[in-house]
Amino acid sequence: QVQLVESGGGLVQSGGSLRVSCAASGTFRSINTMGWYRQAPGKERELVADITSGGQTSYADSVKARFTISIDNAKNTVYLQMNALKPEDTAVYYCNAIGRSWVKGPFDSWGQGTQVTVSS
């Protein structure tokens, strides 16, 4: 019932910036947390950053001070501003939303991902 659509990925030079967005749509009671995960080839998916509807944020140590996550609750949209990008940041970035549906209870939804490539 919850669909997540990411946008804003692309190719950027090392040291550059990029902002990815994720919009949630569908039928749900509430979204409690939205976040960004990434997965590089041959590696496990890892949490990059997440944010609660109340604005509490968490960041992976590798991106802290470089990335900023924000949420627009009215639009059910989460953003990830990525600055000072490094080649190590190259990955498919996936949006995640955790919340509560009207009937089935909690949900945990994922987007299809958007490719972020940082060239050296």
C-alpha atoms as a PDB file:
ATOM      1  CA  GLN A   1       0.000   0.000   0.000  1.00  0.00           C
ATOM      2  CA  VAL A   2       3.006   2.279   0.377  1.00  0.00           C
ATOM      3  CA  GLN A   3       5.071   3.116  -2.657  1.00  0.00           C
ATOM      4  CA  LEU A   4       8.412   4.884  -2.498  1.00  0.00           C
ATOM      5  CA  VAL A   5       9.924   6.625  -5.487  1.00  0.00           C
ATOM      6  CA  GLU A   6      13.481   7.908  -5.400  1.00  0.00           C
ATOM      7  CA  SER A   7      14.889  10.584  -7.642  1.00  0.00           C
ATOM      8  CA  GLY A   8      17.953  12.759  -7.977  1.00  0.00           C
ATOM      9  CA  GLY A   9      20.684  10.209  -8.407  1.00  0.00           C
ATOM     10  CA  GLY A  10      23.363  10.545 -11.008  1.00  0.00           C
ATOM     11  CA  LEU A  11      27.025  11.009 -11.709  1.00  0.00           C
ATOM     12  CA  VAL A  12      29.046  13.552  -9.794  1.00  0.00           C
ATOM     13  CA  GLN A  13      32.724  14.314  -9.453  1.00  0.00           C
ATOM     14  CA  SER A  14      34.549  13.687  -6.220  1.00  0.00           C
ATOM     15  CA  GLY A  15      33.986  16.598  -3.877  1.00  0.00           C
ATOM     16  CA  GLY A  16      30.705  17.498  -5.488  1.00  0.00           C
ATOM     17  CA  SER A  17      27.184  17.504  -4.143  1.00  0.00           C
ATOM     18  CA  LEU A  18      23.967  15.733  -4.920  1.00  0.00           C
ATOM     19  CA  ARG A  19      20.509  15.644  -3.411  1.00  0.00           C
ATOM     20  CA  VAL A  20      18.285  12.620  -3.627  1.00  0.00           C
ATOM     21  CA  SER A  21      14.597  12.643  -2.824  1.00  0.00           C
ATOM     22  CA  CYS A  22      12.074   9.997  -1.899  1.00  0.00           C
ATOM     23  CA  ALA A  23       8.335  10.487  -1.982  1.00  0.00           C
ATOM     24  CA  ALA A  24       5.924   8.119  -0.290  1.00  0.00           C
ATOM     25  CA  SER A  25       2.469   7.578  -1.674  1.00  0.00           C
ATOM     26  CA  GLY A  26      -0.439   5.227  -1.204  1.00  0.00           C
ATOM     27  CA  THR A  27      -2.672   4.405   1.712  1.00  0.00           C
ATOM     28  CA  PHE A  28      -1.201   4.372   5.185  1.00  0.00           C
ATOM     29  CA  ARG A  29      -2.026   5.631   8.625  1.00  0.00           C
ATOM     30  CA  SER A  30       1.305   7.186   9.421  1.00  0.00           C
ATOM     31  CA  ILE A  31       4.983   7.161   8.625  1.00  0.00           C
ATOM     32  CA  ASN A  32       7.200   7.093  11.673  1.00  0.00           C
ATOM     33  CA  THR A  33      10.650   6.877  10.161  1.00  0.00           C
ATOM     34  CA  MET A  34      12.140   7.402   6.731  1.00  0.00           C
ATOM     35  CA  GLY A  35      15.692   6.703   5.816  1.00  0.00           C
ATOM     36  CA  TRP A  36      18.302   6.059   3.208  1.00  0.00           C
ATOM     37  CA  TYR A  37      20.297   2.897   2.760  1.00  0.00           C
ATOM     38  CA  ARG A  38      22.935   2.164   0.184  1.00  0.00           C
ATOM     39  CA  GLN A  39      24.434  -0.915  -1.357  1.00  0.00           C
ATOM     40  CA  ALA A  40      27.664  -1.036  -3.284  1.00  0.00           C
ATOM     41  CA  PRO A  41      28.562  -3.974  -5.534  1.00  0.00           C
ATOM     42  CA  GLY A  42      29.619  -6.950  -3.474  1.00  0.00           C
ATOM     43  CA  LYS A  43      28.682  -5.317  -0.201  1.00  0.00           C
ATOM     44  CA  GLU A  44      25.740  -5.558   2.126  1.00  0.00           C
ATOM     45  CA  ARG A  45      23.117  -2.893   2.290  1.00  0.00           C
ATOM     46  CA  GLU A  46      23.931  -0.389   5.000  1.00  0.00           C
ATOM     47  CA  LEU A  47      22.098   2.399   6.722  1.00  0.00           C
ATOM     48  CA  VAL A  48      23.206   5.847   5.633  1.00  0.00           C
ATOM     49  CA  ALA A  49      20.813   8.058   7.552  1.00  0.00           C
ATOM     50  CA  ASP A  50      17.306   8.061   8.883  1.00  0.00           C
ATOM     51  CA  ILE A  51      14.909  10.537  10.373  1.00  0.00           C
ATOM     52  CA  THR A  52      11.760  10.308  12.440  1.00  0.00           C
ATOM     53  CA  SER A  53       8.642  12.306  11.803  1.00  0.00           C
ATOM     54  CA  GLY A  54       9.663  14.334  14.839  1.00  0.00           C
ATOM     55  CA  GLY A  55      12.974  15.264  13.238  1.00  0.00           C
ATOM     56  CA  GLN A  56      15.392  13.031  15.127  1.00  0.00           C
ATOM     57  CA  THR A  57      18.242  11.992  12.853  1.00  0.00           C
ATOM     58  CA  SER A  58      20.881   9.294  12.760  1.00  0.00           C
ATOM     59  CA  TYR A  59      23.882   9.020  10.461  1.00  0.00           C
ATOM     60  CA  ALA A  60      26.461   6.452   9.624  1.00  0.00           C
ATOM     61  CA  ASP A  61      29.885   7.523  10.841  1.00  0.00           C
ATOM     62  CA  SER A  62      31.201   7.505   7.294  1.00  0.00           C
ATOM     63  CA  VAL A  63      28.780  10.212   6.159  1.00  0.00           C
ATOM     64  CA  LYS A  64      28.352  12.270   9.287  1.00  0.00           C
ATOM     65  CA  ALA A  65      29.177  15.955   8.714  1.00  0.00           C
ATOM     66  CA  ARG A  66      28.869  15.469   4.960  1.00  0.00           C
ATOM     67  CA  PHE A  67      25.283  14.302   4.501  1.00  0.00           C
ATOM     68  CA  THR A  68      22.105  15.863   5.814  1.00  0.00           C
ATOM     69  CA  ILE A  69      18.751  14.139   5.945  1.00  0.00           C
ATOM     70  CA  SER A  70      15.505  16.053   6.185  1.00  0.00           C
ATOM     71  CA  ILE A  71      11.817  15.284   5.969  1.00  0.00           C
ATOM     72  CA  ASP A  72       8.756  17.122   4.787  1.00  0.00           C
ATOM     73  CA  ASN A  73       5.955  15.465   6.710  1.00  0.00           C
ATOM     74  CA  ALA A  74       3.219  17.219   4.781  1.00  0.00           C
ATOM     75  CA  LYS A  75       4.560  15.826   1.516  1.00  0.00           C
ATOM     76  CA  ASN A  76       5.721  12.498   2.963  1.00  0.00           C
ATOM     77  CA  THR A  77       9.049  13.137   1.335  1.00  0.00           C
ATOM     78  CA  VAL A  78      12.542  12.593   2.646  1.00  0.00           C
ATOM     79  CA  TYR A  79      15.670  14.211   1.261  1.00  0.00           C
ATOM     80  CA  LEU A  80      19.325  13.398   1.518  1.00  0.00           C
ATOM     81  CA  GLN A  81      21.730  16.214   0.786  1.00  0.00           C
ATOM     82  CA  MET A  82      25.133  14.753   0.029  1.00  0.00           C
ATOM     83  CA  ASN A  83      28.151  17.029   0.085  1.00  0.00           C
ATOM     84  CA  ALA A  84      31.859  16.398  -0.289  1.00  0.00           C
ATOM     85  CA  LEU A  85      31.116  13.168  -2.075  1.00  0.00           C
ATOM     86  CA  LYS A  86      33.781  10.516  -2.274  1.00  0.00           C
ATOM     87  CA  PRO A  87      34.180   7.577  -4.651  1.00  0.00           C
ATOM     88  CA  GLU A  88      33.430   5.352  -1.663  1.00  0.00           C
ATOM     89  CA  ASP A  89      29.921   6.791  -1.650  1.00  0.00           C
ATOM     90  CA  THR A  90      29.180   5.164  -4.986  1.00  0.00           C
ATOM     91  CA  ALA A  91      26.235   2.837  -4.515  1.00  0.00           C
ATOM     92  CA  VAL A  92      22.585   2.315  -5.190  1.00  0.00           C
ATOM     93  CA  TYR A  93      20.712   4.383  -2.664  1.00  0.00           C
ATOM     94  CA  TYR A  94      17.433   2.970  -1.405  1.00  0.00           C
ATOM     95  CA  CYS A  95      14.685   4.799   0.373  1.00  0.00           C
ATOM     96  CA  ASN A  96      12.982   3.146   3.316  1.00  0.00           C
ATOM     97  CA  ALA A  97       9.839   4.021   5.212  1.00  0.00           C
ATOM     98  CA  ILE A  98       8.534   2.499   8.404  1.00  0.00           C
ATOM     99  CA  GLY A  99       5.074   3.247   9.613  1.00  0.00           C
ATOM    100  CA  ARG A 100       1.635   1.926  10.322  1.00  0.00           C
ATOM    101  CA  SER A 101      -1.091   0.904   7.908  1.00  0.00           C
ATOM    102  CA  TRP A 102      -4.791   1.183   8.519  1.00  0.00           C
ATOM    103  CA  VAL A 103      -5.491  -2.539   8.666  1.00  0.00           C
ATOM    104  CA  LYS A 104      -2.386  -4.706   8.775  1.00  0.00           C
ATOM    105  CA  GLY A 105      -0.383  -2.787  11.309  1.00  0.00           C
ATOM    106  CA  PRO A 106       3.275  -1.875  10.850  1.00  0.00           C
ATOM    107  CA  PHE A 107       4.826  -1.657   7.415  1.00  0.00           C
ATOM    108  CA  ASP A 108       8.370  -1.532   6.157  1.00  0.00           C
ATOM    109  CA  SER A 109       8.589  -0.368   2.547  1.00  0.00           C
ATOM    110  CA  TRP A 110      11.463   0.077   0.133  1.00  0.00           C
ATOM    111  CA  GLY A 111      11.965   1.990  -3.057  1.00  0.00           C
ATOM    112  CA  GLN A 112      13.602   0.641  -6.180  1.00  0.00           C
ATOM    113  CA  GLY A 113      16.779   2.602  -5.618  1.00  0.00           C
ATOM    114  CA  THR A 114      18.647   5.333  -7.407  1.00  0.00           C
ATOM    115  CA  GLN A 115      22.230   5.078  -8.597  1.00  0.00           C
ATOM    116  CA  VAL A 116      24.779   7.503  -7.222  1.00  0.00           C
ATOM    117  CA  THR A 117      28.179   7.383  -8.859  1.00  0.00           C
ATOM    118  CA  VAL A 118      31.091   9.487  -7.677  1.00  0.00           C
ATOM    119  CA  SER A 119      34.028   9.684 -10.033  1.00  0.00           C
ATOM    120  CA  SER A 120      37.573  10.245  -8.861  1.00  0.00           C
END
